Amino acid sequence: QLAPGGHLGRFVIWTEDAFKQLDTIFGTYETASDVKKGYHLPSAKITMPDVTRLINSDEIQSVVRPAGPKQTKRPFTQRKNPLRNRGVLFRLNPYAQSSIRREIREQAQRRA
């Protein structure tokens, strides 16, 4: 089976002439492109691809700050509405408790 399920996806067949044309269109690492003026193949920015050895090297580790304490993220909790939940309101705004008590006293004085 060439393409199971009848779906080709990214299956591409390259001819020999197409491979020969790639060097003229995109150029090589030594020569620039003939068709695309001023285009050069991108070169690797890093010369040593062993990144773990590079990061753990003494030169890098001497400059890097030490790791801080491990922080664990709290699990998701239901958000409480402070307008309906007085406990949450008082935690957010401690003055709200005395403000509500003062308002209740003033209403009681107005009624009396």
N, C-alpha and C. Protein backbone atom coordinates (compact mmCIF):
# COMPACT_ATOMS: atom_id res chain seq x y z
N GLN A 1 0.84 -1.18 0.00
CA GLN A 1 0.00 0.00 0.00
C GLN A 1 0.89 1.24 0.00
N LEU A 2 0.64 2.10 -0.94
CA LEU A 2 1.42 3.32 -1.03
C LEU A 2 0.99 4.33 0.02
N ALA A 3 -0.32 4.52 0.14
CA ALA A 3 -0.84 5.45 1.13
C ALA A 3 -2.06 4.81 1.77
N PRO A 4 -1.92 4.26 2.97
CA PRO A 4 -3.05 3.59 3.60
C PRO A 4 -4.21 4.54 3.81
N GLY A 5 -5.42 4.07 3.55
CA GLY A 5 -6.60 4.92 3.72
C GLY A 5 -6.85 5.82 2.53
N GLY A 6 -6.01 5.76 1.52
CA GLY A 6 -6.23 6.58 0.32
C GLY A 6 -5.88 8.04 0.52
N HIS A 7 -5.25 8.40 1.64
CA HIS A 7 -4.92 9.80 1.90
C HIS A 7 -3.41 9.96 1.76
N LEU A 8 -2.99 10.80 0.84
CA LEU A 8 -1.57 10.96 0.60
C LEU A 8 -0.89 11.80 1.67
N GLY A 9 -1.57 12.77 2.23
CA GLY A 9 -0.96 13.59 3.26
C GLY A 9 0.22 14.37 2.70
N ARG A 10 1.37 14.24 3.34
CA ARG A 10 2.56 14.96 2.89
C ARG A 10 3.47 14.07 2.04
N PHE A 11 2.93 13.03 1.50
CA PHE A 11 3.71 12.12 0.68
C PHE A 11 4.05 12.80 -0.63
N VAL A 12 5.34 13.00 -0.90
CA VAL A 12 5.80 13.69 -2.10
C VAL A 12 6.86 12.82 -2.77
N ILE A 13 6.77 12.71 -4.06
CA ILE A 13 7.77 11.96 -4.83
C ILE A 13 8.62 12.98 -5.57
N TRP A 14 9.94 12.95 -5.32
CA TRP A 14 10.86 13.87 -5.97
C TRP A 14 11.52 13.16 -7.15
N THR A 15 11.60 13.87 -8.26
CA THR A 15 12.31 13.31 -9.41
C THR A 15 13.77 13.72 -9.34
N GLU A 16 14.59 13.11 -10.17
CA GLU A 16 16.02 13.42 -10.17
C GLU A 16 16.26 14.85 -10.66
N ASP A 17 15.47 15.28 -11.64
CA ASP A 17 15.62 16.65 -12.15
C ASP A 17 15.25 17.68 -11.07
N ALA A 18 14.26 17.34 -10.26
CA ALA A 18 13.86 18.27 -9.20
C ALA A 18 14.98 18.43 -8.18
N PHE A 19 15.67 17.35 -7.85
CA PHE A 19 16.79 17.43 -6.92
C PHE A 19 17.93 18.28 -7.49
N LYS A 20 18.15 18.16 -8.80
CA LYS A 20 19.20 18.96 -9.42
C LYS A 20 18.84 20.45 -9.41
N GLN A 21 17.57 20.76 -9.53
CA GLN A 21 17.12 22.16 -9.55
C GLN A 21 17.18 22.81 -8.17
N LEU A 22 17.16 22.00 -7.11
CA LEU A 22 17.18 22.58 -5.76
C LEU A 22 18.42 23.43 -5.53
N ASP A 23 19.57 23.00 -6.06
CA ASP A 23 20.79 23.77 -5.86
C ASP A 23 20.75 25.11 -6.59
N THR A 24 20.10 25.16 -7.76
CA THR A 24 20.03 26.44 -8.47
C THR A 24 19.00 27.36 -7.82
N ILE A 25 17.92 26.81 -7.27
CA ILE A 25 16.89 27.65 -6.66
C ILE A 25 17.34 28.16 -5.29
N PHE A 26 17.81 27.25 -4.44
CA PHE A 26 18.14 27.62 -3.06
C PHE A 26 19.63 27.79 -2.82
N GLY A 27 20.48 27.32 -3.73
CA GLY A 27 21.92 27.41 -3.54
C GLY A 27 22.42 26.31 -2.63
N THR A 28 23.70 26.34 -2.36
CA THR A 28 24.30 25.38 -1.44
C THR A 28 24.87 26.16 -0.27
N TYR A 29 25.52 25.45 0.66
CA TYR A 29 26.12 26.16 1.79
C TYR A 29 27.31 27.01 1.35
N GLU A 30 27.94 26.64 0.23
CA GLU A 30 29.11 27.39 -0.24
C GLU A 30 28.72 28.50 -1.22
N THR A 31 27.71 28.27 -2.08
CA THR A 31 27.34 29.24 -3.11
C THR A 31 25.95 29.78 -2.84
N ALA A 32 25.72 31.01 -3.32
CA ALA A 32 24.41 31.63 -3.16
C ALA A 32 23.46 31.11 -4.22
N SER A 33 22.18 31.45 -4.09
CA SER A 33 21.16 31.01 -5.04
C SER A 33 21.30 31.76 -6.35
N ASP A 34 20.98 31.06 -7.47
CA ASP A 34 21.00 31.70 -8.78
C ASP A 34 19.65 32.38 -9.05
N VAL A 35 18.56 31.74 -8.66
CA VAL A 35 17.23 32.25 -8.95
C VAL A 35 16.82 33.33 -7.94
N LYS A 36 17.00 33.06 -6.66
CA LYS A 36 16.66 34.01 -5.60
C LYS A 36 17.90 34.84 -5.32
N LYS A 37 17.86 36.10 -5.72
CA LYS A 37 19.04 36.95 -5.57
C LYS A 37 19.29 37.26 -4.10
N GLY A 38 20.52 37.05 -3.66
CA GLY A 38 20.91 37.35 -2.29
C GLY A 38 20.46 36.33 -1.27
N TYR A 39 19.93 35.19 -1.69
CA TYR A 39 19.48 34.18 -0.74
C TYR A 39 20.60 33.19 -0.46
N HIS A 40 20.84 32.95 0.82
CA HIS A 40 21.80 31.95 1.25
C HIS A 40 21.07 30.95 2.14
N LEU A 41 21.47 29.70 2.09
CA LEU A 41 20.88 28.70 2.96
C LEU A 41 21.19 29.07 4.41
N PRO A 42 20.23 28.93 5.30
CA PRO A 42 20.49 29.27 6.70
C PRO A 42 21.50 28.29 7.30
N SER A 43 22.42 28.85 8.05
CA SER A 43 23.43 27.99 8.68
C SER A 43 23.09 27.83 10.16
N ALA A 44 23.65 26.82 10.76
CA ALA A 44 23.36 26.53 12.16
C ALA A 44 23.96 27.62 13.04
N LYS A 45 23.18 28.11 14.00
CA LYS A 45 23.65 29.15 14.91
C LYS A 45 24.52 28.57 16.02
N ILE A 46 24.33 27.30 16.30
CA ILE A 46 25.06 26.67 17.38
C ILE A 46 25.99 25.62 16.78
N THR A 47 27.24 25.63 17.21
CA THR A 47 28.20 24.70 16.62
C THR A 47 28.22 23.36 17.35
N MET A 48 27.88 23.37 18.66
CA MET A 48 27.85 22.12 19.42
C MET A 48 26.39 21.78 19.73
N PRO A 49 25.81 20.79 19.07
CA PRO A 49 24.39 20.50 19.27
C PRO A 49 24.09 19.78 20.59
N ASP A 50 25.10 19.42 21.37
CA ASP A 50 24.87 18.76 22.65
C ASP A 50 24.52 19.82 23.69
N VAL A 51 23.25 20.22 23.73
CA VAL A 51 22.81 21.34 24.56
C VAL A 51 22.91 21.00 26.04
N THR A 52 22.60 19.77 26.42
CA THR A 52 22.67 19.42 27.84
C THR A 52 24.10 19.53 28.36
N ARG A 53 25.07 19.11 27.57
CA ARG A 53 26.47 19.23 27.99
C ARG A 53 26.87 20.71 28.05
N LEU A 54 26.34 21.50 27.13
CA LEU A 54 26.64 22.92 27.10
C LEU A 54 26.06 23.63 28.32
N ILE A 55 24.82 23.31 28.67
CA ILE A 55 24.18 23.96 29.82
C ILE A 55 24.85 23.55 31.13
N ASN A 56 25.24 22.29 31.23
CA ASN A 56 25.85 21.81 32.46
C ASN A 56 27.35 22.08 32.54
N SER A 57 27.89 22.79 31.57
CA SER A 57 29.32 23.07 31.59
C SER A 57 29.65 24.05 32.72
N ASP A 58 30.90 24.04 33.17
CA ASP A 58 31.32 24.89 34.28
C ASP A 58 31.22 26.38 33.94
N GLU A 59 31.47 26.73 32.67
CA GLU A 59 31.41 28.14 32.27
C GLU A 59 30.00 28.71 32.42
N ILE A 60 29.00 27.94 32.02
CA ILE A 60 27.61 28.40 32.11
C ILE A 60 27.14 28.35 33.56
N GLN A 61 27.43 27.27 34.26
CA GLN A 61 26.94 27.10 35.63
C GLN A 61 27.54 28.12 36.59
N SER A 62 28.71 28.64 36.29
CA SER A 62 29.30 29.64 37.17
C SER A 62 28.59 30.99 37.07
N VAL A 63 27.87 31.21 35.97
CA VAL A 63 27.19 32.49 35.75
C VAL A 63 25.71 32.42 36.13
N VAL A 64 25.11 31.24 36.03
CA VAL A 64 23.68 31.07 36.24
C VAL A 64 23.35 31.18 37.73
N ARG A 65 22.21 31.84 38.03
CA ARG A 65 21.75 31.93 39.42
C ARG A 65 21.33 30.55 39.92
N PRO A 66 21.46 30.29 41.23
CA PRO A 66 21.01 29.00 41.75
C PRO A 66 19.49 28.89 41.70
N ALA A 67 19.01 27.67 41.62
CA ALA A 67 17.57 27.44 41.55
C ALA A 67 16.91 27.84 42.86
N GLY A 68 15.75 28.46 42.77
CA GLY A 68 15.02 28.88 43.95
C GLY A 68 14.25 27.74 44.56
N PRO A 69 13.51 28.02 45.63
CA PRO A 69 12.72 26.95 46.25
C PRO A 69 11.61 26.48 45.31
N LYS A 70 11.28 25.22 45.43
CA LYS A 70 10.25 24.62 44.58
C LYS A 70 8.89 25.20 44.97
N GLN A 71 8.14 25.71 44.00
CA GLN A 71 6.82 26.26 44.27
C GLN A 71 5.78 25.32 43.68
N THR A 72 4.87 24.89 44.53
CA THR A 72 3.80 24.03 44.04
C THR A 72 2.59 24.88 43.74
N LYS A 73 1.98 24.63 42.63
CA LYS A 73 0.81 25.39 42.22
C LYS A 73 -0.43 24.80 42.89
N ARG A 74 -1.27 25.69 43.42
CA ARG A 74 -2.49 25.24 44.06
C ARG A 74 -3.44 24.66 43.02
N PRO A 75 -4.17 23.63 43.40
CA PRO A 75 -5.15 23.09 42.44
C PRO A 75 -6.28 24.09 42.23
N PHE A 76 -6.98 23.93 41.14
CA PHE A 76 -8.07 24.85 40.81
C PHE A 76 -9.14 24.81 41.89
N THR A 77 -9.56 25.98 42.31
CA THR A 77 -10.64 26.09 43.28
C THR A 77 -11.74 26.95 42.69
N GLN A 78 -12.94 26.74 43.15
CA GLN A 78 -14.09 27.51 42.68
C GLN A 78 -13.93 28.97 43.11
N ARG A 79 -14.13 29.89 42.20
CA ARG A 79 -14.02 31.30 42.52
C ARG A 79 -15.28 31.71 43.27
N LYS A 80 -15.07 32.41 44.38
CA LYS A 80 -16.19 32.86 45.20
C LYS A 80 -16.50 34.31 44.86
N ASN A 81 -17.79 34.62 44.83
CA ASN A 81 -18.24 35.98 44.55
C ASN A 81 -18.30 36.76 45.85
N PRO A 82 -17.46 37.80 46.01
CA PRO A 82 -17.44 38.54 47.27
C PRO A 82 -18.73 39.34 47.52
N LEU A 83 -19.53 39.59 46.49
CA LEU A 83 -20.77 40.32 46.70
C LEU A 83 -21.83 39.43 47.35
N ARG A 84 -21.70 38.13 47.19
CA ARG A 84 -22.67 37.20 47.76
C ARG A 84 -22.11 36.46 48.97
N ASN A 85 -20.80 36.31 49.04
CA ASN A 85 -20.16 35.55 50.10
C ASN A 85 -19.45 36.53 51.03
N ARG A 86 -19.99 36.71 52.23
CA ARG A 86 -19.45 37.70 53.16
C ARG A 86 -18.05 37.33 53.64
N GLY A 87 -17.78 36.05 53.84
CA GLY A 87 -16.44 35.63 54.29
C GLY A 87 -15.37 36.04 53.30
N VAL A 88 -15.64 35.88 52.03
CA VAL A 88 -14.67 36.27 51.00
C VAL A 88 -14.56 37.78 50.93
N LEU A 89 -15.69 38.47 51.09
CA LEU A 89 -15.69 39.94 51.08
C LEU A 89 -14.81 40.48 52.20
N PHE A 90 -14.94 39.91 53.41
CA PHE A 90 -14.16 40.41 54.55
C PHE A 90 -12.68 40.07 54.39
N ARG A 91 -12.37 38.98 53.70
CA ARG A 91 -10.97 38.64 53.45
C ARG A 91 -10.35 39.62 52.46
N LEU A 92 -11.14 40.02 51.45
CA LEU A 92 -10.64 40.97 50.45
C LEU A 92 -10.58 42.39 51.00
N ASN A 93 -11.62 42.76 51.78
CA ASN A 93 -11.75 44.13 52.28
C ASN A 93 -12.10 44.08 53.76
N PRO A 94 -11.09 44.11 54.64
CA PRO A 94 -11.37 44.02 56.07
C PRO A 94 -12.24 45.18 56.58
N TYR A 95 -12.20 46.31 55.94
CA TYR A 95 -13.00 47.46 56.36
C TYR A 95 -14.49 47.24 56.09
N ALA A 96 -14.82 46.33 55.18
CA ALA A 96 -16.22 46.11 54.81
C ALA A 96 -17.04 45.65 56.01
N GLN A 97 -16.45 44.89 56.91
CA GLN A 97 -17.18 44.38 58.08
C GLN A 97 -17.62 45.54 58.97
N SER A 98 -16.71 46.44 59.28
CA SER A 98 -17.10 47.58 60.12
C SER A 98 -18.04 48.52 59.38
N SER A 99 -17.87 48.62 58.07
CA SER A 99 -18.76 49.48 57.28
C SER A 99 -20.19 48.93 57.28
N ILE A 100 -20.35 47.62 57.14
CA ILE A 100 -21.68 47.01 57.13
C ILE A 100 -22.32 47.14 58.52
N ARG A 101 -21.52 46.92 59.60
CA ARG A 101 -22.04 47.07 60.96
C ARG A 101 -22.50 48.50 61.22
N ARG A 102 -21.72 49.49 60.76
CA ARG A 102 -22.09 50.89 60.94
C ARG A 102 -23.39 51.21 60.22
N GLU A 103 -23.55 50.65 58.99
CA GLU A 103 -24.76 50.88 58.21
C GLU A 103 -25.98 50.27 58.91
N ILE A 104 -25.82 49.10 59.49
CA ILE A 104 -26.93 48.45 60.21
C ILE A 104 -27.32 49.29 61.43
N ARG A 105 -26.33 49.81 62.17
CA ARG A 105 -26.63 50.67 63.34
C ARG A 105 -27.36 51.94 62.93
N GLU A 106 -26.92 52.54 61.82
CA GLU A 106 -27.59 53.77 61.36
C GLU A 106 -29.02 53.50 60.94
N GLN A 107 -29.27 52.36 60.29
CA GLN A 107 -30.64 52.02 59.92
C GLN A 107 -31.50 51.80 61.15
N ALA A 108 -30.95 51.15 62.17
CA ALA A 108 -31.70 50.92 63.41
C ALA A 108 -32.03 52.24 64.10
N GLN A 109 -31.11 53.21 64.07
CA GLN A 109 -31.37 54.51 64.70
C GLN A 109 -32.45 55.28 63.92
N ARG A 110 -32.45 55.15 62.60
CA ARG A 110 -33.45 55.84 61.79
C ARG A 110 -34.85 55.28 62.09
N ARG A 111 -34.96 53.96 62.30
CA ARG A 111 -36.25 53.35 62.57
C ARG A 111 -36.77 53.75 63.96
N ALA A 112 -35.85 53.90 64.90
CA ALA A 112 -36.29 54.17 66.29
C ALA A 112 -36.66 55.62 66.52
